[in-house]
Amino acid sequence: MSDRSPPAAAGGVLIAIGPLVGVAIGFAFGQATPGFLIGLAAGGAAALLIWLKDRR
């Protein structure tokens, strides 16, 4: 018998999608760069939370 662990959750996509969504929202308000940075931070935080949850 093999001792397989469940597959890891993929949170990296959130790091890619976060800035894109942030730029789109920021562009609507005329602030694309802050939108990018906020989206990057939010995506990174969400990916970090998924990684921490997956470690348990």
N, C-alpha and C. Protein backbone atom coordinates (compact mmCIF):
# COMPACT_ATOMS: atom_id res chain seq x y z
N MET A 1 0.84 -1.19 0.00
CA MET A 1 0.00 0.00 0.00
C MET A 1 0.88 1.24 0.00
N SER A 2 0.46 2.20 -0.73
CA SER A 2 1.23 3.44 -0.74
C SER A 2 0.56 4.45 0.20
N ASP A 3 1.40 5.24 0.81
CA ASP A 3 0.92 6.25 1.75
C ASP A 3 0.83 7.59 1.02
N ARG A 4 -0.27 7.79 0.32
CA ARG A 4 -0.44 9.02 -0.46
C ARG A 4 -1.12 10.10 0.35
N SER A 5 -0.62 11.30 0.18
CA SER A 5 -1.28 12.44 0.82
C SER A 5 -2.17 13.11 -0.22
N PRO A 6 -3.18 13.85 0.22
CA PRO A 6 -4.06 14.52 -0.74
C PRO A 6 -3.27 15.57 -1.53
N PRO A 7 -3.70 15.85 -2.75
CA PRO A 7 -2.98 16.84 -3.55
C PRO A 7 -3.01 18.22 -2.90
N ALA A 8 -1.96 18.97 -3.14
CA ALA A 8 -1.85 20.30 -2.56
C ALA A 8 -2.82 21.26 -3.25
N ALA A 9 -3.34 22.20 -2.49
CA ALA A 9 -4.23 23.22 -3.04
C ALA A 9 -3.39 24.23 -3.82
N ALA A 10 -3.94 24.70 -4.93
CA ALA A 10 -3.21 25.64 -5.79
C ALA A 10 -3.69 27.06 -5.50
N GLY A 11 -2.88 27.82 -4.79
CA GLY A 11 -3.23 29.20 -4.49
C GLY A 11 -2.48 30.20 -5.34
N GLY A 12 -1.54 29.72 -6.14
CA GLY A 12 -0.73 30.61 -6.97
C GLY A 12 -1.54 31.38 -8.00
N VAL A 13 -2.64 30.80 -8.43
CA VAL A 13 -3.47 31.50 -9.41
C VAL A 13 -4.02 32.80 -8.84
N LEU A 14 -4.19 32.86 -7.54
CA LEU A 14 -4.69 34.07 -6.91
C LEU A 14 -3.68 35.20 -6.98
N ILE A 15 -2.39 34.83 -6.97
CA ILE A 15 -1.33 35.84 -7.10
C ILE A 15 -1.36 36.44 -8.51
N ALA A 16 -1.78 35.65 -9.49
CA ALA A 16 -1.85 36.14 -10.87
C ALA A 16 -3.14 36.91 -11.14
N ILE A 17 -4.24 36.44 -10.60
CA ILE A 17 -5.54 37.06 -10.87
C ILE A 17 -5.73 38.33 -10.06
N GLY A 18 -5.19 38.38 -8.85
CA GLY A 18 -5.35 39.54 -7.97
C GLY A 18 -4.95 40.86 -8.62
N PRO A 19 -3.75 40.95 -9.17
CA PRO A 19 -3.35 42.21 -9.82
C PRO A 19 -4.21 42.57 -11.03
N LEU A 20 -4.63 41.56 -11.78
CA LEU A 20 -5.47 41.84 -12.95
C LEU A 20 -6.81 42.44 -12.54
N VAL A 21 -7.41 41.87 -11.52
CA VAL A 21 -8.67 42.41 -11.02
C VAL A 21 -8.44 43.78 -10.39
N GLY A 22 -7.34 43.92 -9.68
CA GLY A 22 -7.01 45.21 -9.06
C GLY A 22 -6.81 46.31 -10.09
N VAL A 23 -6.15 45.99 -11.19
CA VAL A 23 -5.95 46.98 -12.25
C VAL A 23 -7.29 47.36 -12.87
N ALA A 24 -8.14 46.38 -13.10
CA ALA A 24 -9.45 46.66 -13.70
C ALA A 24 -10.27 47.58 -12.80
N ILE A 25 -10.29 47.29 -11.52
CA ILE A 25 -11.05 48.13 -10.59
C ILE A 25 -10.37 49.49 -10.44
N GLY A 26 -9.04 49.49 -10.32
CA GLY A 26 -8.31 50.74 -10.21
C GLY A 26 -8.46 51.62 -11.44
N PHE A 27 -8.50 51.01 -12.61
CA PHE A 27 -8.68 51.77 -13.85
C PHE A 27 -10.02 52.48 -13.87
N ALA A 28 -11.03 51.85 -13.31
CA ALA A 28 -12.36 52.47 -13.25
C ALA A 28 -12.34 53.73 -12.39
N PHE A 29 -11.45 53.77 -11.41
CA PHE A 29 -11.33 54.93 -10.53
C PHE A 29 -10.18 55.85 -10.93
N GLY A 30 -9.51 55.53 -12.04
CA GLY A 30 -8.40 56.35 -12.49
C GLY A 30 -7.13 56.14 -11.69
N GLN A 31 -7.01 55.03 -11.01
CA GLN A 31 -5.85 54.72 -10.16
C GLN A 31 -5.41 53.28 -10.42
N ALA A 32 -4.85 53.03 -11.59
CA ALA A 32 -4.50 51.66 -11.96
C ALA A 32 -3.34 51.10 -11.14
N THR A 33 -2.32 51.93 -10.86
CA THR A 33 -1.15 51.43 -10.12
C THR A 33 -1.51 51.04 -8.69
N PRO A 34 -2.21 51.89 -7.93
CA PRO A 34 -2.61 51.43 -6.59
C PRO A 34 -3.53 50.20 -6.65
N GLY A 35 -4.37 50.13 -7.66
CA GLY A 35 -5.22 48.95 -7.82
C GLY A 35 -4.39 47.69 -8.03
N PHE A 36 -3.33 47.82 -8.85
CA PHE A 36 -2.43 46.69 -9.07
C PHE A 36 -1.79 46.25 -7.76
N LEU A 37 -1.28 47.20 -7.00
CA LEU A 37 -0.59 46.87 -5.75
C LEU A 37 -1.53 46.27 -4.72
N ILE A 38 -2.73 46.82 -4.63
CA ILE A 38 -3.71 46.27 -3.69
C ILE A 38 -4.13 44.87 -4.12
N GLY A 39 -4.34 44.69 -5.42
CA GLY A 39 -4.69 43.36 -5.93
C GLY A 39 -3.59 42.35 -5.71
N LEU A 40 -2.34 42.78 -5.89
CA LEU A 40 -1.20 41.89 -5.65
C LEU A 40 -1.13 41.49 -4.19
N ALA A 41 -1.32 42.46 -3.30
CA ALA A 41 -1.29 42.16 -1.86
C ALA A 41 -2.44 41.25 -1.46
N ALA A 42 -3.63 41.51 -1.99
CA ALA A 42 -4.79 40.69 -1.65
C ALA A 42 -4.63 39.26 -2.20
N GLY A 43 -4.14 39.14 -3.43
CA GLY A 43 -3.91 37.81 -4.00
C GLY A 43 -2.82 37.05 -3.25
N GLY A 44 -1.77 37.76 -2.88
CA GLY A 44 -0.71 37.13 -2.10
C GLY A 44 -1.19 36.68 -0.73
N ALA A 45 -2.00 37.51 -0.10
CA ALA A 45 -2.54 37.14 1.22
C ALA A 45 -3.47 35.94 1.12
N ALA A 46 -4.30 35.91 0.09
CA ALA A 46 -5.21 34.78 -0.09
C ALA A 46 -4.42 33.50 -0.38
N ALA A 47 -3.37 33.59 -1.21
CA ALA A 47 -2.54 32.43 -1.50
C ALA A 47 -1.81 31.96 -0.24
N LEU A 48 -1.36 32.89 0.58
CA LEU A 48 -0.70 32.54 1.83
C LEU A 48 -1.67 31.81 2.77
N LEU A 49 -2.89 32.29 2.86
CA LEU A 49 -3.89 31.62 3.70
C LEU A 49 -4.18 30.21 3.22
N ILE A 50 -4.29 30.03 1.91
CA ILE A 50 -4.52 28.69 1.36
C ILE A 50 -3.33 27.79 1.67
N TRP A 51 -2.12 28.33 1.53
CA TRP A 51 -0.93 27.54 1.82
C TRP A 51 -0.88 27.14 3.30
N LEU A 52 -1.19 28.07 4.19
CA LEU A 52 -1.18 27.76 5.62
C LEU A 52 -2.24 26.73 5.97
N LYS A 53 -3.42 26.84 5.35
CA LYS A 53 -4.48 25.88 5.62
C LYS A 53 -4.11 24.50 5.08
N ASP A 54 -3.42 24.46 3.95
CA ASP A 54 -3.04 23.21 3.33
C ASP A 54 -1.94 22.49 4.12
N ARG A 55 -1.15 23.23 4.86
CA ARG A 55 -0.07 22.64 5.66
C ARG A 55 -0.59 21.81 6.82
N ARG A 56 -1.76 22.13 7.31
CA ARG A 56 -2.31 21.43 8.50
C ARG A 56 -2.75 20.05 8.18
